Amino acid sequence: MNTGIAAKSDAELVEWSRSGDRSAFATIVKRYQRLVCSITYNATGNLSLSEDLAQETFFAAWKQMADLREPERLRAWLCGIARFLVGKEFRKMGREPAHDAEALDAIAEPESAEMSPAMQAVSREEEAILWRALGRIPDTYREPLILFYREEKSIERVAAELELSEDAVKQRLSRGRKLLHEEVVAFVEGTLSRTAPGQEFSSAVMAMLPAASAATVGAGVAGKGAAMAKSGSIAAWLAAWLAPVTPFLGVFAGLMVNWISVRSAPTARERRFQGIWLSCFWIFVLGWAVPGQYAVQALRHGYAWSDATYFEVVGGFWWFYAMVVGTFIVFFLRRAAAMRRQIEQEPGKPEASGAPTTFASRVAMVAGIYLAMFSALIYLAFKAHDWLAGAILLGAMVVLGGWHLVYVGTRDGLAGWKRATRRIVLAWVVILVVLNWRLGGWLAAYRGADLAVIHGLLPEWALPVATLTLAVWIGALVALTRPERARD
């Protein structure tokens, strides 16, 4: 292995793995394979099953690497995945963990010549004796004991892996040894040392990974499954730089636009109206999007949802959000336009109560509008290494924002409001087109899966149908709330 990669921190290895660097992920596997295998063996008492679950753990980690919010906590994250898979396996099989070792009298000769590295190191009789001895020890003492002999008898490494003090590890090891029968101590120590995962385990994990790297996405309708252009170091740097900023950029830009809009409203009546409506809007947005997403994740883990169920729930979650937001915007714009029309038709010119509209405030408002609309999508595209879609979105944001600023110009009143609304609608059309074109490929990149797998979870027709339903709903609202219809 490249010694430079081997010396990298967990956070660096995670970022490299996210960009599709398989050698970085292989380093992660070799660094934590003994810990993960020890956890799964401690829970199952079955060497073969424990290695299968450990391999599934690393495979799941590869697919879900984009979901790891704190790369420096990679070790704890891997342990959590391993324990979740153990629980899921035993729920499926209707058994409790740590009860899967076979009794001596139930052991038959191996039926297959293909055995795991661990099973090649010991006979099935030895495995049964090993677990018969270890199974009598409480989990508190058994887990450090297993890891101690697999980590070359290093108390320091066991303490680091289990996040315990060295004194605590020493006490648990001492108590664990005393609980073992003296006649099997030597046997257990030697067998655990021989069954520690080695190069074969790492090779098996890497062989499980999809042929396409995590940086490969579908090319959409024109070329599904084709690899996107990628650049490991630049992509990792860009994702790392944007990750902490992007979730707040759109929110900050939207809040800034609302503040400028309320502050520069020409009458006190309009300022009051916008302040109330926009406050309600942000309460819904922040109250639904952030806690709601965490709630979905909690339900997924609590009820062990399948990937298909999770995709359906998340899709419905965000579709409902889009419907509510679209409905709110239509009614807000209609009410605001009606108020402006009424004010303009009143005799006399109302006294302006808002802050004067300057060129700088217009630029800030337009920039905020288009940043709020495009920033998250641009980040998602670059995170998936989809440079084409990212460039299209970035270019559309700049062009539409500039066109909005120049075309709307200094037009105030109802005419300016209508012109601005048309530009924003056009921007949303661009966003929906790109989403329908590229979303499947982005999901494939995030999960390290082939595009066909994503289409199995999220059918190709699902997003176009959801988009069409949203468009029909918004169109119906616009038609039903026309000023002419309201007067009728």
Protein backbone atom coordinates (compact mmCIF):
# COMPACT_ATOMS: atom_id res chain seq x y z
CA MET A 1 0.00 0.00 0.00
CA ASN A 2 1.07 3.56 -0.66
CA THR A 3 2.56 4.73 2.63
CA GLY A 4 1.37 8.27 1.92
CA ILE A 5 -2.26 7.15 1.78
CA ALA A 6 -1.84 4.88 4.80
CA ALA A 7 -0.69 7.86 6.89
CA LYS A 8 -3.72 10.01 6.04
CA SER A 9 -6.32 10.88 8.66
CA ASP A 10 -9.78 9.38 8.66
CA ALA A 11 -11.30 12.65 7.42
CA GLU A 12 -8.90 12.80 4.46
CA LEU A 13 -9.56 9.17 3.56
CA VAL A 14 -13.30 9.79 3.65
CA GLU A 15 -13.06 12.79 1.31
CA TRP A 16 -10.84 10.86 -1.11
CA SER A 17 -13.23 7.91 -1.03
CA ARG A 18 -16.14 10.22 -1.79
CA SER A 19 -14.33 11.35 -4.92
CA GLY A 20 -14.04 7.71 -6.06
CA ASP A 21 -10.53 6.89 -4.79
CA ARG A 22 -10.72 3.12 -4.22
CA SER A 23 -7.21 2.90 -2.75
CA ALA A 24 -8.27 5.36 -0.03
CA PHE A 25 -11.26 3.20 0.79
CA ALA A 26 -9.06 0.10 0.82
CA THR A 27 -6.97 1.87 3.47
CA ILE A 28 -10.12 2.44 5.52
CA VAL A 29 -10.97 -1.25 5.26
CA LYS A 30 -7.50 -2.36 6.36
CA ARG A 31 -7.44 0.16 9.18
CA TYR A 32 -10.75 -0.96 10.72
CA GLN A 33 -11.35 -4.53 9.52
CA ARG A 34 -10.18 -6.07 12.79
CA LEU A 35 -12.38 -3.79 14.85
CA VAL A 36 -15.49 -4.41 12.72
CA CYS A 37 -14.90 -8.17 12.50
CA SER A 38 -14.41 -8.31 16.27
CA ILE A 39 -17.69 -6.48 16.87
CA THR A 40 -19.65 -8.78 14.57
CA TYR A 41 -18.00 -11.92 15.97
CA ASN A 42 -18.64 -10.79 19.53
CA ALA A 43 -22.34 -10.47 18.65
CA THR A 44 -22.78 -13.64 16.56
CA GLY A 45 -20.26 -16.19 17.80
CA ASN A 46 -19.91 -17.40 14.21
CA LEU A 47 -16.70 -16.67 12.32
CA SER A 48 -18.15 -17.06 8.84
CA LEU A 49 -21.27 -15.00 9.56
CA SER A 50 -19.23 -12.35 11.35
CA GLU A 51 -17.01 -11.85 8.31
CA ASP A 52 -20.03 -11.71 6.02
CA LEU A 53 -21.58 -8.99 8.18
CA ALA A 54 -18.27 -7.13 8.37
CA GLN A 55 -18.01 -7.15 4.58
CA GLU A 56 -21.59 -5.88 4.34
CA THR A 57 -20.63 -3.13 6.77
CA PHE A 58 -17.85 -1.83 4.55
CA PHE A 59 -19.97 -2.25 1.43
CA ALA A 60 -22.74 -0.18 3.05
CA ALA A 61 -20.16 2.40 4.14
CA TRP A 62 -18.92 2.76 0.56
CA LYS A 63 -22.45 3.36 -0.71
CA GLN A 64 -23.40 5.76 2.08
CA MET A 65 -20.11 7.65 2.38
CA ALA A 66 -21.82 10.85 1.28
CA ASP A 67 -24.13 10.61 4.33
CA LEU A 68 -21.26 10.78 6.84
CA ARG A 69 -21.53 14.31 8.25
CA GLU A 70 -18.48 14.09 10.54
CA PRO A 71 -15.65 12.31 8.67
CA GLU A 72 -13.42 12.43 11.73
CA ARG A 73 -15.91 10.08 13.46
CA LEU A 74 -15.48 7.39 10.82
CA ARG A 75 -14.63 4.68 13.36
CA ALA A 76 -17.79 5.24 15.42
CA TRP A 77 -19.85 5.41 12.23
CA LEU A 78 -18.51 2.04 11.01
CA CYS A 79 -19.20 0.47 14.42
CA GLY A 80 -22.75 1.80 14.29
CA ILE A 81 -23.34 0.30 10.84
CA ALA A 82 -21.91 -3.05 11.99
CA ARG A 83 -24.16 -3.21 15.05
CA PHE A 84 -27.19 -2.18 13.00
CA LEU A 85 -26.54 -4.95 10.46
CA VAL A 86 -26.06 -7.50 13.24
CA GLY A 87 -29.40 -6.54 14.77
CA LYS A 88 -31.10 -6.61 11.38
CA GLU A 89 -29.66 -10.06 10.62
CA PHE A 90 -30.87 -11.56 13.87
CA ARG A 91 -34.29 -9.95 13.61
CA LYS A 92 -34.62 -11.51 10.18
CA MET A 93 -33.51 -14.93 11.43
CA GLY A 94 -35.57 -14.74 14.62
CA ARG A 95 -32.60 -15.19 16.92
CA GLU A 96 -30.77 -13.14 19.50
CA PRO A 97 -27.14 -12.05 18.98
CA ALA A 98 -24.32 -14.10 20.49
CA HIS A 99 -26.15 -17.41 20.17
CA ASP A 100 -25.21 -18.64 16.72
CA ALA A 101 -22.27 -20.95 17.42
CA GLU A 102 -22.90 -24.61 16.77
CA ALA A 103 -22.60 -27.25 19.47
CA LEU A 104 -19.85 -29.83 19.11
CA ASP A 105 -22.24 -32.71 18.51
CA ALA A 106 -23.95 -30.84 15.66
CA ILE A 107 -20.78 -30.34 13.63
CA ALA A 108 -20.39 -32.21 10.37
CA GLU A 109 -17.63 -32.23 7.81
CA PRO A 110 -17.47 -29.15 5.58
CA GLU A 111 -19.60 -29.54 2.48
CA SER A 112 -17.70 -27.05 0.35
CA ALA A 113 -14.04 -26.60 -0.39
CA GLU A 114 -14.51 -22.82 -0.52
CA MET A 115 -14.13 -21.42 2.98
CA SER A 116 -13.51 -17.95 4.34
CA PRO A 117 -9.96 -17.08 5.51
CA ALA A 118 -11.12 -17.37 9.12
CA MET A 119 -12.59 -20.84 8.53
CA GLN A 120 -9.38 -21.91 6.81
CA ALA A 121 -7.43 -20.90 9.92
CA VAL A 122 -9.44 -23.09 12.30
CA SER A 123 -11.53 -26.23 12.04
CA ARG A 124 -15.24 -26.13 12.84
CA GLU A 125 -14.55 -28.10 16.00
CA GLU A 126 -12.07 -25.45 17.12
CA GLU A 127 -14.55 -22.70 16.35
CA ALA A 128 -17.21 -24.39 18.45
CA ILE A 129 -14.83 -24.82 21.37
CA LEU A 130 -13.67 -21.22 21.01
CA TRP A 131 -17.18 -19.84 21.26
CA ARG A 132 -18.20 -22.28 23.98
CA ALA A 133 -15.45 -20.70 26.10
CA LEU A 134 -16.04 -17.10 25.06
CA GLY A 135 -19.82 -17.34 25.17
CA ARG A 136 -19.77 -17.68 28.94
CA ILE A 137 -18.19 -14.25 29.36
CA PRO A 138 -20.40 -11.13 29.63
CA ASP A 139 -20.26 -8.88 26.59
CA THR A 140 -18.56 -6.10 28.59
CA TYR A 141 -15.47 -8.28 29.03
CA ARG A 142 -15.72 -10.40 25.88
CA GLU A 143 -15.49 -7.60 23.30
CA PRO A 144 -12.21 -6.10 24.63
CA LEU A 145 -10.79 -9.62 24.97
CA ILE A 146 -11.54 -10.53 21.35
CA LEU A 147 -10.14 -7.25 20.05
CA PHE A 148 -7.04 -7.51 22.27
CA TYR A 149 -5.82 -10.72 20.68
CA ARG A 150 -6.72 -9.57 17.18
CA GLU A 151 -4.90 -6.27 17.62
CA GLU A 152 -1.60 -7.98 18.43
CA LYS A 153 -2.16 -7.69 22.20
CA SER A 154 -2.03 -3.89 22.18
CA ILE A 155 -3.92 -2.38 25.11
CA GLU A 156 -3.37 1.08 23.62
CA ARG A 157 -5.09 0.12 20.34
CA VAL A 158 -7.99 -1.58 22.12
CA ALA A 159 -8.51 1.51 24.27
CA ALA A 160 -8.51 3.74 21.19
CA GLU A 161 -10.84 1.51 19.18
CA LEU A 162 -13.39 1.11 21.99
CA GLU A 163 -12.93 4.68 23.28
CA LEU A 164 -12.00 3.47 26.78
CA SER A 165 -9.15 4.39 29.08
CA GLU A 166 -6.20 2.01 29.19
CA ASP A 167 -6.90 1.28 32.86
CA ALA A 168 -10.47 0.29 32.01
CA VAL A 169 -9.22 -2.03 29.26
CA LYS A 170 -6.73 -3.64 31.63
CA GLN A 171 -9.43 -4.26 34.21
CA ARG A 172 -11.81 -5.78 31.70
CA LEU A 173 -9.11 -7.99 30.22
CA SER A 174 -8.12 -9.21 33.66
CA ARG A 175 -11.69 -10.00 34.57
CA GLY A 176 -12.30 -11.67 31.21
CA ARG A 177 -9.31 -13.97 31.55
CA LYS A 178 -10.37 -15.03 35.03
CA LEU A 179 -13.77 -16.01 33.70
CA LEU A 180 -12.20 -18.33 31.15
CA HIS A 181 -11.37 -21.84 32.19
CA GLU A 182 -7.63 -22.10 32.61
CA GLU A 183 -7.39 -25.10 30.31
CA VAL A 184 -8.74 -23.14 27.33
CA VAL A 185 -6.91 -19.84 27.81
CA ALA A 186 -4.01 -20.78 25.56
CA PHE A 187 -6.35 -22.26 22.98
CA VAL A 188 -8.52 -19.14 22.83
CA GLU A 189 -5.54 -16.80 22.57
CA GLY A 190 -3.93 -18.72 19.72
CA THR A 191 -7.16 -19.20 17.78
CA LEU A 192 -8.19 -15.55 17.99
CA SER A 193 -4.77 -14.52 16.72
CA ARG A 194 -5.02 -16.89 13.75
CA THR A 195 -8.52 -15.77 12.78
CA ALA A 196 -7.76 -12.04 12.60
CA PRO A 197 -8.74 -10.69 9.14
CA GLY A 198 -5.86 -10.00 6.81
CA GLN A 199 -5.19 -9.15 3.18
CA GLU A 200 -7.77 -11.66 1.92
CA PHE A 201 -10.55 -9.84 3.77
CA SER A 202 -9.58 -6.44 2.32
CA SER A 203 -9.44 -7.93 -1.19
CA ALA A 204 -12.88 -9.49 -0.74
CA VAL A 205 -14.39 -6.15 0.33
CA MET A 206 -12.88 -4.28 -2.60
CA ALA A 207 -14.09 -7.00 -4.98
CA MET A 208 -17.66 -6.37 -3.77
CA LEU A 209 -17.63 -2.70 -4.77
CA PRO A 210 -19.37 -1.76 -8.01
CA ALA A 211 -17.20 -1.50 -11.10
CA ALA A 212 -18.23 2.16 -11.36
CA SER A 213 -16.61 4.42 -8.80
CA ALA A 214 -18.53 6.67 -6.46
CA ALA A 215 -17.73 9.54 -8.82
CA THR A 216 -19.55 7.90 -11.77
CA VAL A 217 -23.06 8.97 -12.61
CA GLY A 218 -25.52 8.33 -15.41
CA ALA A 219 -25.42 10.66 -18.33
CA GLY A 220 -29.22 10.96 -18.42
CA VAL A 221 -31.42 10.30 -21.43
CA ALA A 222 -28.63 10.85 -23.91
CA GLY A 223 -26.29 8.28 -22.42
CA LYS A 224 -27.36 6.44 -19.28
CA GLY A 225 -24.61 4.84 -17.28
CA ALA A 226 -21.79 6.80 -18.92
CA ALA A 227 -19.05 8.08 -16.62
CA MET A 228 -18.95 11.76 -15.82
CA ALA A 229 -15.73 13.71 -15.94
CA LYS A 230 -13.97 13.52 -12.63
CA SER A 231 -11.03 14.96 -10.82
CA GLY A 232 -10.27 13.39 -7.47
CA SER A 233 -8.27 16.05 -5.69
CA ILE A 234 -10.19 19.06 -7.08
CA ALA A 235 -13.55 17.38 -6.43
CA ALA A 236 -12.62 16.48 -2.87
CA TRP A 237 -11.41 20.02 -2.20
CA LEU A 238 -14.50 21.59 -3.78
CA ALA A 239 -16.92 19.31 -1.89
CA ALA A 240 -15.07 19.89 1.39
CA TRP A 241 -15.12 23.67 0.88
CA LEU A 242 -18.76 23.90 -0.13
CA ALA A 243 -20.19 21.31 2.30
CA PRO A 244 -20.30 23.51 5.43
CA VAL A 245 -21.51 26.58 3.49
CA THR A 246 -24.12 25.35 1.03
CA PRO A 247 -26.90 24.29 3.44
CA PHE A 248 -26.95 27.87 4.80
CA LEU A 249 -26.25 29.81 1.60
CA GLY A 250 -29.72 29.41 0.09
CA VAL A 251 -31.42 30.12 3.42
CA PHE A 252 -29.29 33.21 4.04
CA ALA A 253 -29.91 34.51 0.51
CA GLY A 254 -33.67 33.94 0.84
CA LEU A 255 -33.83 35.71 4.19
CA MET A 256 -31.82 38.61 2.77
CA VAL A 257 -34.26 38.95 -0.16
CA ASN A 258 -37.23 38.95 2.19
CA TRP A 259 -35.64 41.56 4.42
CA ILE A 260 -34.88 43.88 1.50
CA SER A 261 -38.37 43.34 0.05
CA VAL A 262 -40.15 44.19 3.31
CA ARG A 263 -37.83 47.11 4.06
CA SER A 264 -38.31 48.70 0.62
CA ALA A 265 -42.07 48.12 0.29
CA PRO A 266 -43.57 51.48 -0.80
CA THR A 267 -46.38 51.59 1.78
CA ALA A 268 -46.84 50.61 5.39
CA ARG A 269 -49.73 48.34 4.38
CA GLU A 270 -47.50 46.36 2.02
CA ARG A 271 -44.71 46.16 4.55
CA ARG A 272 -47.06 44.71 7.14
CA PHE A 273 -48.55 42.24 4.64
CA GLN A 274 -45.15 41.00 3.44
CA GLY A 275 -43.76 40.74 6.97
CA ILE A 276 -46.61 38.48 8.13
CA TRP A 277 -46.75 36.25 5.05
CA LEU A 278 -43.01 35.82 4.66
CA SER A 279 -42.57 35.05 8.37
CA CYS A 280 -45.16 32.27 8.04
CA PHE A 281 -43.35 31.00 4.94
CA TRP A 282 -39.99 30.68 6.70
CA ILE A 283 -41.53 29.07 9.74
CA PHE A 284 -42.90 26.34 7.47
CA VAL A 285 -39.71 25.98 5.41
CA LEU A 286 -37.35 25.67 8.38
CA GLY A 287 -39.82 23.68 10.46
CA TRP A 288 -40.52 21.15 7.70
CA ALA A 289 -37.24 20.74 5.82
CA VAL A 290 -34.75 20.37 8.69
CA PRO A 291 -36.62 18.53 11.49
CA GLY A 292 -38.65 16.59 8.93
CA GLN A 293 -35.57 15.18 7.22
CA TYR A 294 -34.08 14.10 10.55
CA ALA A 295 -37.41 12.49 11.47
CA VAL A 296 -37.40 10.48 8.23
CA GLN A 297 -33.85 9.28 8.94
CA ALA A 298 -34.83 8.27 12.48
CA LEU A 299 -37.85 6.33 11.22
CA ARG A 300 -35.70 4.61 8.62
CA HIS A 301 -33.27 3.28 11.23
CA GLY A 302 -35.96 2.60 13.82
CA TYR A 303 -38.10 0.48 11.49
CA ALA A 304 -35.24 -0.87 9.32
CA TRP A 305 -36.84 0.37 6.10
CA SER A 306 -35.67 -1.11 2.86
CA ASP A 307 -34.02 1.20 0.32
CA ALA A 308 -37.19 1.10 -1.81
CA THR A 309 -39.39 2.20 1.11
CA TYR A 310 -36.92 4.92 2.07
CA PHE A 311 -36.87 6.31 -1.49
CA GLU A 312 -40.68 6.34 -1.60
CA VAL A 313 -40.98 8.16 1.74
CA VAL A 314 -38.30 10.74 0.91
CA GLY A 315 -39.82 11.34 -2.53
CA GLY A 316 -43.28 11.88 -1.02
CA PHE A 317 -41.81 14.08 1.70
CA TRP A 318 -40.21 16.51 -0.73
CA TRP A 319 -43.10 16.37 -3.24
CA PHE A 320 -45.53 17.47 -0.52
CA TYR A 321 -43.09 20.23 0.48
CA ALA A 322 -42.93 21.48 -3.13
CA MET A 323 -46.74 21.46 -3.41
CA VAL A 324 -47.17 23.52 -0.22
CA VAL A 325 -44.43 26.00 -1.15
CA GLY A 326 -45.81 26.39 -4.69
CA THR A 327 -49.32 26.99 -3.34
CA PHE A 328 -48.04 29.56 -0.85
CA ILE A 329 -46.09 31.46 -3.51
CA VAL A 330 -49.09 31.63 -5.88
CA PHE A 331 -51.39 33.02 -3.20
CA PHE A 332 -48.73 35.41 -1.90
CA LEU A 333 -48.06 36.87 -5.35
CA ARG A 334 -51.77 37.15 -6.13
CA ARG A 335 -52.51 38.92 -2.86
CA ALA A 336 -49.50 41.21 -3.20
CA ALA A 337 -50.43 42.11 -6.79
CA ALA A 338 -54.05 42.78 -5.79
CA MET A 339 -52.91 45.05 -2.96
CA ARG A 340 -50.55 46.95 -5.28
CA ARG A 341 -53.34 47.33 -7.85
CA GLN A 342 -55.74 48.63 -5.20
CA ILE A 343 -53.19 51.12 -3.89
CA GLU A 344 -52.40 52.42 -7.38
CA GLN A 345 -56.12 52.95 -8.07
CA GLU A 346 -56.71 54.92 -4.87
CA PRO A 347 -57.06 58.71 -5.33
CA GLY A 348 -53.96 60.60 -4.49
CA LYS A 349 -50.46 59.20 -4.19
CA PRO A 350 -49.78 57.28 -0.95
CA GLU A 351 -46.86 58.41 1.09
CA ALA A 352 -43.88 56.09 0.76
CA SER A 353 -42.88 54.54 4.04
CA GLY A 354 -40.20 52.09 2.94
CA ALA A 355 -36.49 52.58 2.47
CA PRO A 356 -35.57 54.07 -0.93
CA THR A 357 -34.75 51.49 -3.60
CA THR A 358 -31.15 51.90 -4.76
CA PHE A 359 -29.21 50.12 -7.47
CA ALA A 360 -27.19 48.30 -4.80
CA SER A 361 -30.33 47.01 -3.10
CA ARG A 362 -31.70 45.84 -6.48
CA VAL A 363 -28.49 43.96 -7.20
CA ALA A 364 -28.54 42.40 -3.73
CA MET A 365 -32.15 41.34 -4.11
CA VAL A 366 -31.67 39.77 -7.55
CA ALA A 367 -28.49 38.01 -6.44
CA GLY A 368 -30.26 36.69 -3.36
CA ILE A 369 -33.24 35.40 -5.36
CA TYR A 370 -31.14 33.38 -7.78
CA LEU A 371 -28.66 32.18 -5.16
CA ALA A 372 -31.57 30.91 -3.06
CA MET A 373 -32.98 29.07 -6.07
CA PHE A 374 -29.82 27.62 -7.62
CA SER A 375 -27.12 27.25 -4.93
CA ALA A 376 -28.24 23.93 -3.43
CA LEU A 377 -28.69 22.35 -6.87
CA ILE A 378 -25.27 23.53 -8.06
CA TYR A 379 -23.70 22.02 -4.96
CA LEU A 380 -25.48 18.69 -5.51
CA ALA A 381 -24.25 18.58 -9.10
CA PHE A 382 -20.63 19.30 -8.18
CA LYS A 383 -20.79 16.86 -5.27
CA ALA A 384 -21.78 14.17 -7.78
CA HIS A 385 -18.92 15.32 -10.05
CA ASP A 386 -21.50 16.20 -12.72
CA TRP A 387 -19.58 19.15 -14.08
CA LEU A 388 -21.83 19.57 -17.12
CA ALA A 389 -25.04 19.98 -15.11
CA GLY A 390 -23.21 22.13 -12.56
CA ALA A 391 -21.92 24.44 -15.30
CA ILE A 392 -25.39 24.66 -16.89
CA LEU A 393 -26.98 25.58 -13.56
CA LEU A 394 -24.26 28.09 -12.73
CA GLY A 395 -24.54 29.67 -16.17
CA ALA A 396 -28.34 29.77 -15.96
CA MET A 397 -28.15 31.45 -12.56
CA VAL A 398 -25.82 34.18 -13.85
CA VAL A 399 -27.63 34.74 -17.17
CA LEU A 400 -31.15 34.75 -15.73
CA GLY A 401 -30.07 36.94 -12.82
CA GLY A 402 -28.43 39.45 -15.16
CA TRP A 403 -31.42 39.40 -17.52
CA HIS A 404 -33.73 39.96 -14.57
CA LEU A 405 -31.69 42.95 -13.38
CA VAL A 406 -31.47 44.55 -16.84
CA TYR A 407 -34.92 43.70 -18.17
CA VAL A 408 -36.89 44.61 -15.05
CA GLY A 409 -34.58 47.57 -14.52
CA THR A 410 -36.04 50.33 -12.39
CA ARG A 411 -39.67 49.48 -13.15
CA ASP A 412 -41.67 49.69 -9.96
CA GLY A 413 -45.29 48.99 -9.26
CA LEU A 414 -47.43 46.25 -10.77
CA ALA A 415 -45.65 46.20 -14.12
CA GLY A 416 -42.27 45.58 -12.53
CA TRP A 417 -43.77 42.93 -10.23
CA LYS A 418 -45.18 41.00 -13.21
CA ARG A 419 -41.91 41.16 -15.16
CA ALA A 420 -39.93 39.90 -12.15
CA THR A 421 -42.40 37.04 -11.63
CA ARG A 422 -41.97 35.84 -15.23
CA ARG A 423 -38.18 35.73 -14.85
CA ILE A 424 -38.47 33.68 -11.64
CA VAL A 425 -40.92 31.26 -13.26
CA LEU A 426 -38.45 30.73 -16.10
CA ALA A 427 -35.70 29.98 -13.57
CA TRP A 428 -37.87 27.32 -11.92
CA VAL A 429 -38.50 25.73 -15.31
CA VAL A 430 -34.74 25.43 -15.82
CA ILE A 431 -34.32 23.88 -12.35
CA LEU A 432 -37.07 21.29 -12.91
CA VAL A 433 -35.68 20.34 -16.33
CA VAL A 434 -32.19 19.76 -14.91
CA LEU A 435 -33.60 17.77 -11.97
CA ASN A 436 -35.54 15.48 -14.30
CA TRP A 437 -32.49 15.11 -16.50
CA ARG A 438 -29.82 14.44 -13.87
CA LEU A 439 -31.28 13.41 -10.51
CA GLY A 440 -30.97 9.67 -11.15
CA GLY A 441 -27.28 10.04 -11.98
CA TRP A 442 -26.62 12.11 -8.88
CA LEU A 443 -28.25 9.50 -6.64
CA ALA A 444 -26.16 6.80 -8.30
CA ALA A 445 -23.01 8.80 -7.59
CA TYR A 446 -23.89 9.42 -3.93
CA ARG A 447 -24.65 5.75 -3.28
CA GLY A 448 -21.81 4.34 -5.38
CA ALA A 449 -24.32 2.27 -7.36
CA ASP A 450 -25.15 1.72 -11.01
CA LEU A 451 -27.89 3.84 -12.56
CA ALA A 452 -29.98 0.70 -13.11
CA VAL A 453 -30.02 0.10 -9.35
CA ILE A 454 -31.31 3.63 -8.73
CA HIS A 455 -34.01 3.19 -11.38
CA GLY A 456 -35.08 0.06 -9.53
CA LEU A 457 -35.59 2.15 -6.40
CA LEU A 458 -36.84 5.31 -8.12
CA PRO A 459 -38.53 4.46 -11.46
CA GLU A 460 -37.67 6.73 -14.38
CA TRP A 461 -41.29 7.82 -14.68
CA ALA A 462 -41.64 8.87 -11.02
CA LEU A 463 -39.96 12.28 -11.17
CA PRO A 464 -41.56 13.38 -14.49
CA VAL A 465 -45.00 12.39 -13.16
CA ALA A 466 -44.38 14.27 -9.89
CA THR A 467 -43.17 17.32 -11.86
CA LEU A 468 -46.18 17.21 -14.19
CA THR A 469 -48.56 16.92 -11.22
CA LEU A 470 -46.91 19.91 -9.57
CA ALA A 471 -47.09 21.95 -12.80
CA VAL A 472 -50.78 21.12 -13.32
CA TRP A 473 -51.57 22.04 -9.71
CA ILE A 474 -49.76 25.37 -9.91
CA GLY A 475 -51.35 26.11 -13.31
CA ALA A 476 -54.80 25.40 -11.91
CA LEU A 477 -54.17 27.71 -8.94
CA VAL A 478 -52.95 30.49 -11.22
CA ALA A 479 -56.04 30.13 -13.43
CA LEU A 480 -58.47 29.97 -10.52
CA THR A 481 -57.01 33.05 -8.82
CA ARG A 482 -56.93 35.34 -11.86
CA PRO A 483 -58.06 38.89 -11.06
CA GLU A 484 -60.74 38.71 -13.77
CA ARG A 485 -62.15 35.51 -12.25
CA ALA A 486 -62.07 37.00 -8.75
CA ARG A 487 -64.16 39.99 -9.92
CA ASP A 488 -66.70 37.64 -11.55
